[in-house]
PDB file of N, CA and C in Angstrom:
ATOM      1  N   UNK A   1      95.057 112.441  83.903  1.00  0.00           N
ATOM      2  CA  UNK A   1      95.761 112.862  85.066  1.00  0.00           C
ATOM      3  C   UNK A   1      96.976 114.193  84.656  1.00  0.00           C
ATOM      4  N   UNK A   2      97.384 115.174  84.836  1.00  0.00           N
ATOM      5  CA  UNK A   2      97.989 115.909  84.307  1.00  0.00           C
ATOM      6  C   UNK A   2      99.456 115.377  84.741  1.00  0.00           C
ATOM      7  N   UNK A   3     100.600 116.261  83.586  1.00  0.00           N
ATOM      8  CA  UNK A   3     101.955 116.081  83.308  1.00  0.00           C
ATOM      9  C   UNK A   3     102.445 117.020  83.789  1.00  0.00           C
ATOM     10  N   UNK A   4     104.055 116.624  84.660  1.00  0.00           N
ATOM     11  CA  UNK A   4     104.616 117.823  85.154  1.00  0.00           C
ATOM     12  C   UNK A   4     105.948 118.069  83.901  1.00  0.00           C
ATOM     13  N   UNK A   5     106.003 118.998  83.186  1.00  0.00           N
ATOM     14  CA  UNK A   5     106.903 119.013  82.407  1.00  0.00           C
ATOM     15  C   UNK A   5     108.126 120.131  82.497  1.00  0.00           C
ATOM     16  N   UNK A   6     108.635 119.657  84.165  1.00  0.00           N
ATOM     17  CA  UNK A   6     109.631 120.939  84.616  1.00  0.00           C
ATOM     18  C   UNK A   6     111.110 119.597  84.489  1.00  0.00           C
ATOM     19  N   UNK A   7     111.980 120.267  85.238  1.00  0.00           N
ATOM     20  CA  UNK A   7     113.507 119.124  84.882  1.00  0.00           C
ATOM     21  C   UNK A   7     113.132 118.420  86.102  1.00  0.00           C
ATOM     22  N   UNK A   8     113.929 117.137  85.651  1.00  0.00           N
ATOM     23  CA  UNK A   8     113.968 116.089  86.493  1.00  0.00           C
ATOM     24  C   UNK A   8     114.869 116.063  87.511  1.00  0.00           C
ATOM     25  N   UNK A   9     114.309 115.291  88.332  1.00  0.00           N
ATOM     26  CA  UNK A   9     115.176 115.332  89.592  1.00  0.00           C
ATOM     27  C   UNK A   9     116.333 114.398  89.930  1.00  0.00           C
ATOM     28  N   UNK A  10     116.841 113.597  88.653  1.00  0.00           N
ATOM     29  CA  UNK A  10     117.472 112.686  88.631  1.00  0.00           C
ATOM     30  C   UNK A  10     118.763 113.222  87.345  1.00  0.00           C
ATOM     31  N   UNK A  11     119.743 112.947  87.554  1.00  0.00           N
ATOM     32  CA  UNK A  11     120.940 113.089  86.362  1.00  0.00           C
ATOM     33  C   UNK A  11     120.324 112.077  84.873  1.00  0.00           C
ATOM     34  N   UNK A  12     121.199 112.287  83.606  1.00  0.00           N
ATOM     35  CA  UNK A  12     121.237 110.858  83.076  1.00  0.00           C
ATOM     36  C   UNK A  12     121.848 109.807  83.565  1.00  0.00           C
ATOM     37  N   UNK A  13     122.923 110.250  84.298  1.00  0.00           N
ATOM     38  CA  UNK A  13     123.910 108.902  84.943  1.00  0.00           C
ATOM     39  C   UNK A  13     123.059 108.443  86.087  1.00  0.00           C
ATOM     40  N   UNK A  14     121.740 108.594  86.480  1.00  0.00           N
ATOM     41  CA  UNK A  14     120.862 107.899  87.588  1.00  0.00           C
ATOM     42  C   UNK A  14     121.277 109.030  88.980  1.00  0.00           C
ATOM     43  N   UNK A  15     121.907 109.658  89.160  1.00  0.00           N
ATOM     44  CA  UNK A  15     122.427 110.475  90.709  1.00  0.00           C
ATOM     45  C   UNK A  15     121.483 111.549  90.879  1.00  0.00           C
ATOM     46  N   UNK A  16     121.407 111.599  91.941  1.00  0.00           N
ATOM     47  CA  UNK A  16     120.316 112.812  92.249  1.00  0.00           C
ATOM     48  C   UNK A  16     120.981 113.961  91.790  1.00  0.00           C
ATOM     49  N   UNK A  17     119.748 115.112  91.508  1.00  0.00           N
ATOM     50  CA  UNK A  17     119.757 116.258  91.520  1.00  0.00           C
ATOM     51  C   UNK A  17     119.599 117.323  92.285  1.00  0.00           C
ATOM     52  N   UNK A  18     120.266 118.198  92.690  1.00  0.00           N
ATOM     53  CA  UNK A  18     119.873 119.066  93.807  1.00  0.00           C
ATOM     54  C   UNK A  18     119.003 120.132  93.190  1.00  0.00           C
ATOM     55  N   UNK A  19     117.559 120.493  93.860  1.00  0.00           N
ATOM     56  CA  UNK A  19     116.719 121.127  93.696  1.00  0.00           C
ATOM     57  C   UNK A  19     116.627 122.471  94.273  1.00  0.00           C
ATOM     58  N   UNK A  20     117.307 123.499  93.065  1.00  0.00           N
ATOM     59  CA  UNK A  20     117.308 124.975  93.256  1.00  0.00           C
ATOM     60  C   UNK A  20     116.069 125.598  93.507  1.00  0.00           C
ATOM     61  N   UNK A  21     115.115 125.178  93.179  1.00  0.00           N
ATOM     62  CA  UNK A  21     113.991 125.741  93.588  1.00  0.00           C
ATOM     63  C   UNK A  21     112.569 124.647  93.488  1.00  0.00           C
ATOM     64  N   UNK A  22     111.587 125.188  93.403  1.00  0.00           N
ATOM     65  CA  UNK A  22     110.301 124.413  94.080  1.00  0.00           C
ATOM     66  C   UNK A  22     109.361 124.098  92.433  1.00  0.00           C
ATOM     67  N   UNK A  23     108.346 123.434  92.330  1.00  0.00           N
ATOM     68  CA  UNK A  23     107.978 122.982  91.301  1.00  0.00           C
ATOM     69  C   UNK A  23     106.955 124.346  91.011  1.00  0.00           C
ATOM     70  N   UNK A  24     107.003 124.754  89.694  1.00  0.00           N
ATOM     71  CA  UNK A  24     105.971 125.762  89.186  1.00  0.00           C
ATOM     72  C   UNK A  24     105.047 125.197  88.788  1.00  0.00           C
ATOM     73  N   UNK A  25     103.535 126.241  88.744  1.00  0.00           N
ATOM     74  CA  UNK A  25     102.321 125.683  88.568  1.00  0.00           C
ATOM     75  C   UNK A  25     102.195 125.621  86.812  1.00  0.00           C
ATOM     76  N   UNK A  26     103.525 126.404  86.040  1.00  0.00           N
ATOM     77  CA  UNK A  26     103.051 126.835  84.529  1.00  0.00           C
ATOM     78  C   UNK A  26     103.837 125.421  84.003  1.00  0.00           C
ATOM     79  N   UNK A  27     104.565 124.862  84.719  1.00  0.00           N
ATOM     80  CA  UNK A  27     105.172 123.284  84.470  1.00  0.00           C
ATOM     81  C   UNK A  27     104.252 122.397  84.408  1.00  0.00           C
ATOM     82  N   UNK A  28     103.058 122.574  84.863  1.00  0.00           N
ATOM     83  CA  UNK A  28     102.009 121.165  84.782  1.00  0.00           C
ATOM     84  C   UNK A  28     101.162 121.787  83.516  1.00  0.00           C
ATOM     85  N   UNK A  29     100.978 120.279  82.900  1.00  0.00           N
ATOM     86  CA  UNK A  29     100.285 120.622  81.579  1.00  0.00           C
ATOM     87  C   UNK A  29      98.856 120.204  82.137  1.00  0.00           C
ATOM     88  N   UNK A  30      97.580 120.510  81.425  1.00  0.00           N
ATOM     89  CA  UNK A  30      96.294 120.186  81.529  1.00  0.00           C
ATOM     90  C   UNK A  30      95.971 118.496  81.346  1.00  0.00           C
ATOM     91  N   UNK A  31      95.359 117.954  81.762  1.00  0.00           N
ATOM     92  CA  UNK A  31      94.879 116.589  81.482  1.00  0.00           C
ATOM     93  C   UNK A  31      94.148 116.560  80.241  1.00  0.00           C
ATOM     94  N   UNK A  32      94.498 115.407  79.623  1.00  0.00           N
ATOM     95  CA  UNK A  32      93.790 114.873  78.512  1.00  0.00           C
ATOM     96  C   UNK A  32      92.173 114.913  78.453  1.00  0.00           C
ATOM     97  N   UNK A  33      91.938 115.539  77.588  1.00  0.00           N
ATOM     98  CA  UNK A  33      90.113 115.146  77.578  1.00  0.00           C
ATOM     99  C   UNK A  33      89.984 115.273  75.958  1.00  0.00           C
ATOM    100  N   UNK A  34      89.248 114.023  75.856  1.00  0.00           N
ATOM    101  CA  UNK A  34      89.030 113.547  74.531  1.00  0.00           C
ATOM    102  C   UNK A  34      87.331 113.784  73.980  1.00  0.00           C
ATOM    103  N   UNK A  35      87.061 114.407  73.183  1.00  0.00           N
ATOM    104  CA  UNK A  35      85.849 115.009  72.329  1.00  0.00           C
ATOM    105  C   UNK A  35      85.070 113.553  72.257  1.00  0.00           C
ATOM    106  N   UNK A  36      84.181 113.035  72.588  1.00  0.00           N
ATOM    107  CA  UNK A  36      83.334 111.800  72.446  1.00  0.00           C
ATOM    108  C   UNK A  36      82.103 112.544  71.590  1.00  0.00           C
ATOM    109  N   UNK A  37      81.025 111.084  71.503  1.00  0.00           N
ATOM    110  CA  UNK A  37      79.925 111.309  70.640  1.00  0.00           C
ATOM    111  C   UNK A  37      78.813 111.061  72.065  1.00  0.00           C
ATOM    112  N   UNK A  38      78.292 112.404  71.921  1.00  0.00           N
ATOM    113  CA  UNK A  38      76.984 111.819  73.222  1.00  0.00           C
ATOM    114  C   UNK A  38      76.324 113.312  73.392  1.00  0.00           C
ATOM    115  N   UNK A  39      75.463 113.308  74.517  1.00  0.00           N
ATOM    116  CA  UNK A  39      75.176 114.804  74.925  1.00  0.00           C
ATOM    117  C   UNK A  39      76.171 115.967  75.464  1.00  0.00           C
ATOM    118  N   UNK A  40      75.806 117.124  74.867  1.00  0.00           N
ATOM    119  CA  UNK A  40      76.601 118.330  74.349  1.00  0.00           C
ATOM    120  C   UNK A  40      77.200 118.418  75.814  1.00  0.00           C
ATOM    121  N   UNK A  41      78.757 118.774  76.061  1.00  0.00           N
ATOM    122  CA  UNK A  41      79.298 119.226  77.426  1.00  0.00           C
ATOM    123  C   UNK A  41      80.234 119.658  76.951  1.00  0.00           C
ATOM    124  N   UNK A  42      80.724 120.759  78.008  1.00  0.00           N
ATOM    125  CA  UNK A  42      82.169 121.528  77.080  1.00  0.00           C
ATOM    126  C   UNK A  42      82.910 121.869  78.677  1.00  0.00           C
ATOM    127  N   UNK A  43      84.106 122.166  78.708  1.00  0.00           N
ATOM    128  CA  UNK A  43      84.825 122.728  79.503  1.00  0.00           C
ATOM    129  C   UNK A  43      85.751 123.697  79.570  1.00  0.00           C
ATOM    130  N   UNK A  44      85.535 125.020  80.767  1.00  0.00           N
ATOM    131  CA  UNK A  44      86.727 125.960  79.971  1.00  0.00           C
ATOM    132  C   UNK A  44      87.777 126.211  81.248  1.00  0.00           C
ATOM    133  N   UNK A  45      88.965 125.872  80.456  1.00  0.00           N
ATOM    134  CA  UNK A  45      89.982 126.308  81.287  1.00  0.00           C
ATOM    135  C   UNK A  45      90.503 128.075  81.302  1.00  0.00           C
ATOM    136  N   UNK A  46      91.158 128.062  82.143  1.00  0.00           N
ATOM    137  CA  UNK A  46      92.037 129.326  82.382  1.00  0.00           C
ATOM    138  C   UNK A  46      93.354 129.090  82.070  1.00  0.00           C
ATOM    139  N   UNK A  47      93.966 129.615  81.042  1.00  0.00           N
ATOM    140  CA  UNK A  47      95.143 129.798  80.520  1.00  0.00           C
ATOM    141  C   UNK A  47      96.107 130.680  80.873  1.00  0.00           C
ATOM    142  N   UNK A  48      97.107 131.044  80.527  1.00  0.00           N
ATOM    143  CA  UNK A  48      98.303 132.254  80.990  1.00  0.00           C
ATOM    144  C   UNK A  48      97.292 133.354  80.543  1.00  0.00           C
ATOM    145  N   UNK A  49      97.604 134.423  81.312  1.00  0.00           N
ATOM    146  CA  UNK A  49      97.221 135.660  81.184  1.00  0.00           C
ATOM    147  C   UNK A  49      95.697 136.105  81.306  1.00  0.00           C
ATOM    148  N   UNK A  50      94.824 134.883  81.686  1.00  0.00           N
ATOM    149  CA  UNK A  50      93.738 135.279  81.904  1.00  0.00           C
ATOM    150  C   UNK A  50      92.831 134.695  80.902  1.00  0.00           C
ATOM    151  N   UNK A  51      93.545 134.565  79.852  1.00  0.00           N
ATOM    152  CA  UNK A  51      92.362 133.877  78.697  1.00  0.00           C
ATOM    153  C   UNK A  51      92.110 132.295  78.996  1.00  0.00           C
ATOM    154  N   UNK A  52      90.937 132.409  78.355  1.00  0.00           N
ATOM    155  CA  UNK A  52      89.883 130.937  78.218  1.00  0.00           C
ATOM    156  C   UNK A  52      90.255 130.175  77.151  1.00  0.00           C
ATOM    157  N   UNK A  53      89.954 128.805  77.647  1.00  0.00           N
ATOM    158  CA  UNK A  53      89.985 127.885  76.336  1.00  0.00           C
ATOM    159  C   UNK A  53      88.572 127.111  76.669  1.00  0.00           C
ATOM    160  N   UNK A  54      87.974 126.943  75.320  1.00  0.00           N
ATOM    161  CA  UNK A  54      86.784 126.168  75.793  1.00  0.00           C
ATOM    162  C   UNK A  54      87.719 124.473  74.982  1.00  0.00           C
ATOM    163  N   UNK A  55      86.683 123.569  75.953  1.00  0.00           N
ATOM    164  CA  UNK A  55      87.199 122.258  75.074  1.00  0.00           C
ATOM    165  C   UNK A  55      85.679 121.548  75.346  1.00  0.00           C
ATOM    166  N   UNK A  56      85.541 120.757  74.013  1.00  0.00           N
ATOM    167  CA  UNK A  56      84.228 119.911  73.913  1.00  0.00           C
ATOM    168  C   UNK A  56      84.836 118.845  74.389  1.00  0.00           C
ATOM    169  N   UNK A  57      84.018 118.464  75.349  1.00  0.00           N
ATOM    170  CA  UNK A  57      83.994 116.586  76.246  1.00  0.00           C
ATOM    171  C   UNK A  57      83.142 115.978  75.299  1.00  0.00           C
ATOM    172  N   UNK A  58      82.177 115.953  74.670  1.00  0.00           N
ATOM    173  CA  UNK A  58      81.245 115.806  74.170  1.00  0.00           C
ATOM    174  C   UNK A  58      80.033 116.077  73.265  1.00  0.00           C
ATOM    175  N   UNK A  59      79.529 115.847  72.265  1.00  0.00           N
ATOM    176  CA  UNK A  59      78.607 116.681  71.490  1.00  0.00           C
ATOM    177  C   UNK A  59      78.172 115.215  69.950  1.00  0.00           C
ATOM    178  N   UNK A  60      77.142 115.658  69.989  1.00  0.00           N
ATOM    179  CA  UNK A  60      75.955 115.100  68.887  1.00  0.00           C
ATOM    180  C   UNK A  60      76.044 115.444  67.897  1.00  0.00           C
ATOM    181  N   UNK A  61      76.246 116.907  67.235  1.00  0.00           N
ATOM    182  CA  UNK A  61      75.681 117.472  66.400  1.00  0.00           C
ATOM    183  C   UNK A  61      77.081 118.196  65.626  1.00  0.00           C
ATOM    184  N   UNK A  62      77.263 118.571  64.510  1.00  0.00           N
ATOM    185  CA  UNK A  62      78.346 118.746  63.748  1.00  0.00           C
ATOM    186  C   UNK A  62      77.914 119.969  62.714  1.00  0.00           C
ATOM    187  N   UNK A  63      78.405 121.513  62.774  1.00  0.00           N
ATOM    188  CA  UNK A  63      78.119 122.455  61.347  1.00  0.00           C
ATOM    189  C   UNK A  63      78.687 121.792  60.638  1.00  0.00           C
ATOM    190  N   UNK A  64      77.887 121.446  59.376  1.00  0.00           N
ATOM    191  CA  UNK A  64      78.464 120.948  57.720  1.00  0.00           C
ATOM    192  C   UNK A  64      78.365 121.943  56.498  1.00  0.00           C
ATOM    193  N   UNK A  65      79.433 122.093  56.086  1.00  0.00           N
ATOM    194  CA  UNK A  65      79.256 122.868  54.967  1.00  0.00           C
ATOM    195  C   UNK A  65      79.282 122.048  53.734  1.00  0.00           C
ATOM    196  N   UNK A  66      78.507 122.312  52.806  1.00  0.00           N
ATOM    197  CA  UNK A  66      78.342 121.907  51.813  1.00  0.00           C
ATOM    198  C   UNK A  66      79.322 122.609  50.654  1.00  0.00           C
ATOM    199  N   UNK A  67      80.355 122.474  50.203  1.00  0.00           N
ATOM    200  CA  UNK A  67      81.262 122.961  49.104  1.00  0.00           C
ATOM    201  C   UNK A  67      80.749 123.228  48.010  1.00  0.00           C
ATOM    202  N   UNK A  68      79.520 122.441  47.413  1.00  0.00           N
ATOM    203  CA  UNK A  68      78.656 122.638  45.887  1.00  0.00           C
ATOM    204  C   UNK A  68      77.716 123.952  46.459  1.00  0.00           C
ATOM    205  N   UNK A  69      77.164 123.549  47.144  1.00  0.00           N
ATOM    206  CA  UNK A  69      76.119 125.025  47.287  1.00  0.00           C
ATOM    207  C   UNK A  69      76.915 126.027  47.770  1.00  0.00           C
ATOM    208  N   UNK A  70      77.548 125.709  49.238  1.00  0.00           N
ATOM    209  CA  UNK A  70      78.023 127.029  49.900  1.00  0.00           C
ATOM    210  C   UNK A  70      77.432 126.994  51.070  1.00  0.00           C
ATOM    211  N   UNK A  71      76.252 126.136  51.595  1.00  0.00           N
ATOM    212  CA  UNK A  71      75.488 126.481  52.853  1.00  0.00           C
ATOM    213  C   UNK A  71      75.665 125.531  53.978  1.00  0.00           C
ATOM    214  N   UNK A  72      75.655 126.018  55.300  1.00  0.00           N
ATOM    215  CA  UNK A  72      76.294 125.113  56.113  1.00  0.00           C
ATOM    216  C   UNK A  72      74.798 124.787  56.761  1.00  0.00           C
ATOM    217  N   UNK A  73      74.449 123.514  57.301  1.00  0.00           N
ATOM    218  CA  UNK A  73      73.509 123.009  57.776  1.00  0.00           C
ATOM    219  C   UNK A  73      73.995 122.359  59.476  1.00  0.00           C
ATOM    220  N   UNK A  74      73.121 121.668  59.981  1.00  0.00           N
ATOM    221  CA  UNK A  74      73.700 120.938  61.366  1.00  0.00           C
ATOM    222  C   UNK A  74      73.469 119.538  61.246  1.00  0.00           C
ATOM    223  N   UNK A  75      73.970 118.914  61.317  1.00  0.00           N
ATOM    224  CA  UNK A  75      74.014 117.435  60.861  1.00  0.00           C
ATOM    225  C   UNK A  75      74.106 116.680  62.119  1.00  0.00           C
ATOM    226  N   UNK A  76      73.631 115.108  62.636  1.00  0.00           N
ATOM    227  CA  UNK A  76      73.835 114.806  63.860  1.00  0.00           C
ATOM    228  C   UNK A  76      74.528 113.861  63.509  1.00  0.00           C
ATOM    229  N   UNK A  77      75.877 113.586  64.282  1.00  0.00           N
ATOM    230  CA  UNK A  77      76.587 112.696  64.321  1.00  0.00           C
ATOM    231  C   UNK A  77      76.414 111.427  64.950  1.00  0.00           C
ATOM    232  N   UNK A  78      76.605 110.353  64.021  1.00  0.00           N
ATOM    233  CA  UNK A  78      76.190 109.033  64.020  1.00  0.00           C
ATOM    234  C   UNK A  78      77.500 107.930  65.072  1.00  0.00           C
ATOM    235  N   UNK A  79      78.803 108.283  64.127  1.00  0.00           N
ATOM    236  CA  UNK A  79      79.889 107.438  64.324  1.00  0.00           C
ATOM    237  C   UNK A  79      81.015 107.928  63.881  1.00  0.00           C
ATOM    238  N   UNK A  80      81.994 107.458  64.258  1.00  0.00           N
ATOM    239  CA  UNK A  80      82.938 107.828  63.623  1.00  0.00           C
ATOM    240  C   UNK A  80      83.892 106.583  62.726  1.00  0.00           C
ATOM    241  N   UNK A  81      84.200 107.127  61.448  1.00  0.00           N
ATOM    242  CA  UNK A  81      84.360 106.259  60.176  1.00  0.00           C
ATOM    243  C   UNK A  81      86.181 105.989  60.211  1.00  0.00           C
ATOM    244  N   UNK A  82      86.494 107.339  60.148  1.00  0.00           N
ATOM    245  CA  UNK A  82      87.929 106.977  59.994  1.00  0.00           C
ATOM    246  C   UNK A  82      88.703 108.190  60.465  1.00  0.00           C
ATOM    247  N   UNK A  83      89.939 107.775  61.205  1.00  0.00           N
ATOM    248  CA  UNK A  83      90.719 108.820  62.303  1.00  0.00           C
ATOM    249  C   UNK A  83      92.293 108.661  61.675  1.00  0.00           C
ATOM    250  N   UNK A  84      93.278 109.755  60.858  1.00  0.00           N
ATOM    251  CA  UNK A  84      94.235 109.751  60.853  1.00  0.00           C
ATOM    252  C   UNK A  84      95.166 109.857  61.607  1.00  0.00           C
ATOM    253  N   UNK A  85      94.376 110.122  63.271  1.00  0.00           N
ATOM    254  CA  UNK A  85      95.307 110.659  64.223  1.00  0.00           C
ATOM    255  C   UNK A  85      95.592 109.144  64.904  1.00  0.00           C
ATOM    256  N   UNK A  86      94.703 108.563  64.947  1.00  0.00           N
ATOM    257  CA  UNK A  86      95.227 106.751  65.522  1.00  0.00           C
ATOM    258  C   UNK A  86      93.682 105.838  65.279  1.00  0.00           C
ATOM    259  N   UNK A  87      93.984 104.810  65.065  1.00  0.00           N
ATOM    260  CA  UNK A  87      93.006 103.820  64.326  1.00  0.00           C
ATOM    261  C   UNK A  87      92.022 103.474  65.875  1.00  0.00           C
ATOM    262  N   UNK A  88      92.849 103.678  66.959  1.00  0.00           N
ATOM    263  CA  UNK A  88      91.925 103.274  68.164  1.00  0.00           C
ATOM    264  C   UNK A  88      90.989 104.183  68.567  1.00  0.00           C
ATOM    265  N   UNK A  89      90.964 105.475  67.678  1.00  0.00           N
ATOM    266  CA  UNK A  89      89.835 106.537  68.009  1.00  0.00           C
ATOM    267  C   UNK A  89      88.627 106.356  67.145  1.00  0.00           C
ATOM    268  N   UNK A  90      88.740 105.560  66.624  1.00  0.00           N
ATOM    269  CA  UNK A  90      87.602 104.809  65.154  1.00  0.00           C
ATOM    270  C   UNK A  90      86.686 104.323  66.248  1.00  0.00           C
ATOM    271  N   UNK A  91      87.198 103.050  67.228  1.00  0.00           N
ATOM    272  CA  UNK A  91      86.638 102.107  67.745  1.00  0.00           C
ATOM    273  C   UNK A  91      86.105 102.790  69.369  1.00  0.00           C
ATOM    274  N   UNK A  92      86.687 104.112  69.839  1.00  0.00           N
ATOM    275  CA  UNK A  92      86.438 104.541  71.067  1.00  0.00           C
ATOM    276  C   UNK A  92      85.325 105.404  70.497  1.00  0.00           C
ATOM    277  N   UNK A  93      85.323 106.202  69.491  1.00  0.00           N
ATOM    278  CA  UNK A  93      84.619 107.272  68.862  1.00  0.00           C
ATOM    279  C   UNK A  93      85.067 108.645  69.588  1.00  0.00           C
ATOM    280  N   UNK A  94      86.185 108.855  69.388  1.00  0.00           N
ATOM    281  CA  UNK A  94      86.569 109.941  69.858  1.00  0.00           C
ATOM    282  C   UNK A  94      86.519 110.893  68.147  1.00  0.00           C
ATOM    283  N   UNK A  95      86.240 112.335  68.945  1.00  0.00           N
ATOM    284  CA  UNK A  95      86.601 113.091  67.509  1.00  0.00           C
ATOM    285  C   UNK A  95      87.750 114.036  67.844  1.00  0.00           C
ATOM    286  N   UNK A  96      88.372 114.062  66.650  1.00  0.00           N
ATOM    287  CA  UNK A  96      89.467 114.955  66.366  1.00  0.00           C
ATOM    288  C   UNK A  96      89.640 115.731  65.159  1.00  0.00           C
ATOM    289  N   UNK A  97      90.480 116.473  64.627  1.00  0.00           N
ATOM    290  CA  UNK A  97      90.353 117.080  63.656  1.00  0.00           C
ATOM    291  C   UNK A  97      90.879 116.408  62.489  1.00  0.00           C
ATOM    292  N   UNK A  98      90.296 116.286  61.123  1.00  0.00           N
ATOM    293  CA  UNK A  98      90.354 115.251  59.668  1.00  0.00           C
ATOM    294  C   UNK A  98      89.691 114.158  60.082  1.00  0.00           C
ATOM    295  N   UNK A  99      89.146 114.088  61.007  1.00  0.00           N
ATOM    296  CA  UNK A  99      88.390 112.668  61.495  1.00  0.00           C
ATOM    297  C   UNK A  99      87.456 112.800  60.513  1.00  0.00           C
ATOM    298  N   UNK A 100      86.956 111.300  60.060  1.00  0.00           N
ATOM    299  CA  UNK A 100      85.621 111.368  59.067  1.00  0.00           C
ATOM    300  C   UNK A 100      84.625 110.937  59.842  1.00  0.00           C
ATOM    301  N   UNK A 101      83.345 111.447  59.889  1.00  0.00           N
ATOM    302  CA  UNK A 101      82.605 111.096  60.789  1.00  0.00           C
ATOM    303  C   UNK A 101      81.087 111.157  59.785  1.00  0.00           C
ATOM    304  N   UNK A 102      80.311 109.770  60.353  1.00  0.00           N
ATOM    305  CA  UNK A 102      78.853 109.298  59.749  1.00  0.00           C
ATOM    306  C   UNK A 102      77.802 110.461  60.327  1.00  0.00           C
ATOM    307  N   UNK A 103      77.371 111.081  59.461  1.00  0.00           N
ATOM    308  CA  UNK A 103      75.834 111.717  59.550  1.00  0.00           C
ATOM    309  C   UNK A 103      74.694 111.880  58.865  1.00  0.00           C
ATOM    310  N   UNK A 104      73.664 112.092  59.215  1.00  0.00           N
ATOM    311  CA  UNK A 104      72.576 112.027  58.704  1.00  0.00           C
ATOM    312  C   UNK A 104      72.391 112.613  56.980  1.00  0.00           C
ATOM    313  N   UNK A 105      73.770 113.933  56.980  1.00  0.00           N
ATOM    314  CA  UNK A 105      73.671 114.403  55.742  1.00  0.00           C
ATOM    315  C   UNK A 105      74.848 113.087  54.890  1.00  0.00           C
ATOM    316  N   UNK A 106      75.400 112.794  55.482  1.00  0.00           N
ATOM    317  CA  UNK A 106      76.492 111.962  54.780  1.00  0.00           C
ATOM    318  C   UNK A 106      77.950 111.756  55.679  1.00  0.00           C
ATOM    319  N   UNK A 107      78.709 111.579  54.713  1.00  0.00           N
ATOM    320  CA  UNK A 107      80.215 111.521  55.772  1.00  0.00           C
ATOM    321  C   UNK A 107      80.808 112.817  55.707  1.00  0.00           C
ATOM    322  N   UNK A 108      81.617 113.024  56.573  1.00  0.00           N
ATOM    323  CA  UNK A 108      81.631 114.454  56.699  1.00  0.00           C
ATOM    324  C   UNK A 108      83.118 114.727  57.366  1.00  0.00           C
ATOM    325  N   UNK A 109      84.364 115.144  56.849  1.00  0.00           N
ATOM    326  CA  UNK A 109      85.412 115.626  57.901  1.00  0.00           C
ATOM    327  C   UNK A 109      85.336 116.822  58.662  1.00  0.00           C
ATOM    328  N   UNK A 110      86.044 116.391  59.914  1.00  0.00           N
ATOM    329  CA  UNK A 110      85.891 117.509  60.882  1.00  0.00           C
ATOM    330  C   UNK A 110      87.184 118.582  60.621  1.00  0.00           C
ATOM    331  N   UNK A 111      87.031 119.631  60.153  1.00  0.00           N
ATOM    332  CA  UNK A 111      87.891 120.499  60.028  1.00  0.00           C
ATOM    333  C   UNK A 111      88.150 121.707  61.460  1.00  0.00           C
ATOM    334  N   UNK A 112      87.390 121.737  62.411  1.00  0.00           N
ATOM    335  CA  UNK A 112      87.540 122.307  63.202  1.00  0.00           C
ATOM    336  C   UNK A 112      88.534 121.401  64.646  1.00  0.00           C
ATOM    337  N   UNK A 113      89.126 122.062  65.375  1.00  0.00           N
ATOM    338  CA  UNK A 113      89.823 121.165  66.728  1.00  0.00           C
ATOM    339  C   UNK A 113      89.149 121.485  67.823  1.00  0.00           C
ATOM    340  N   UNK A 114      88.243 120.236  68.122  1.00  0.00           N
ATOM    341  CA  UNK A 114      87.423 120.351  68.894  1.00  0.00           C
ATOM    342  C   UNK A 114      87.969 120.405  70.597  1.00  0.00           C
ATOM    343  N   UNK A 115      89.490 119.866  70.817  1.00  0.00           N
ATOM    344  CA  UNK A 115      89.869 120.199  72.228  1.00  0.00           C
ATOM    345  C   UNK A 115      90.602 121.680  72.104  1.00  0.00           C
ATOM    346  N   UNK A 116      90.191 122.415  71.218  1.00  0.00           N
ATOM    347  CA  UNK A 116      90.830 124.129  71.254  1.00  0.00           C
ATOM    348  C   UNK A 116      89.866 124.875  71.365  1.00  0.00           C
ATOM    349  N   UNK A 117      89.340 124.506  69.754  1.00  0.00           N
ATOM    350  CA  UNK A 117      88.118 125.633  69.481  1.00  0.00           C
ATOM    351  C   UNK A 117      86.570 125.438  70.272  1.00  0.00           C
ATOM    352  N   UNK A 118      86.469 124.424  70.852  1.00  0.00           N
ATOM    353  CA  UNK A 118      85.082 124.265  71.221  1.00  0.00           C
ATOM    354  C   UNK A 118      84.026 124.187  70.640  1.00  0.00           C
ATOM    355  N   UNK A 119      84.107 124.117  69.242  1.00  0.00           N
ATOM    356  CA  UNK A 119      82.829 123.739  68.452  1.00  0.00           C
ATOM    357  C   UNK A 119      83.416 122.618  67.446  1.00  0.00           C
ATOM    358  N   UNK A 120      82.426 121.918  66.623  1.00  0.00           N
ATOM    359  CA  UNK A 120      82.815 121.463  65.534  1.00  0.00           C
ATOM    360  C   UNK A 120      82.467 121.837  64.221  1.00  0.00           C
ATOM    361  N   UNK A 121      83.311 121.789  63.409  1.00  0.00           N
ATOM    362  CA  UNK A 121      82.897 121.990  62.290  1.00  0.00           C
ATOM    363  C   UNK A 121      83.206 120.800  61.235  1.00  0.00           C
ATOM    364  N   UNK A 122      82.781 120.726  60.128  1.00  0.00           N
ATOM    365  CA  UNK A 122      83.227 119.842  58.952  1.00  0.00           C
ATOM    366  C   UNK A 122      82.685 120.415  57.462  1.00  0.00           C
ATOM    367  N   UNK A 123      83.337 119.400  56.512  1.00  0.00           N
ATOM    368  CA  UNK A 123      82.900 119.816  55.265  1.00  0.00           C
ATOM    369  C   UNK A 123      82.581 118.268  54.406  1.00  0.00           C
ATOM    370  N   UNK A 124      81.385 118.303  54.018  1.00  0.00           N
ATOM    371  CA  UNK A 124      80.793 117.434  53.402  1.00  0.00           C
ATOM    372  C   UNK A 124      81.755 116.718  52.520  1.00  0.00           C
ATOM    373  N   UNK A 125      82.134 115.205  52.181  1.00  0.00           N
ATOM    374  CA  UNK A 125      82.512 114.640  51.426  1.00  0.00           C
ATOM    375  C   UNK A 125      81.585 113.911  50.123  1.00  0.00           C
TER     376      UNK A 125
END
C-alpha cells in the first residue's frame, strides 16, 4: 500500500489543521516491492520528469563476478543465507543489496540494488 508523505491534518496538540490546499500526487510514495526468488518478473514505474525505474519483483539467476579470474558468469540462486538489512529477509528469501545468497557456484554477495537497478549482480565469496 502506498504511503502519503504530505502535511498531517492534525497539529502536534491534536487540534485540526485547516487544509490550505489539496493532496498532491507527488506526495504519494510508491508501494513497497520486495525482490523474491522465483520466476523472472520485473515492473516499470514512471518517475518524475518522465524517467523510468525498473524493479525486480522476482528472479532466479544472478550475474556472478569472480574476483580472482575477473570473469562474469550467470548462476542460479538457491536460497538467501544472510541479510544484514533484516534477519526476517533470510526466512522470506528477499533479495537486497549486500545479501549473501547460495548459488550453484557457491556463496555470492549481491552488489546491485534489485529495487532500483532492475538487475541482480554479485561477487563470489
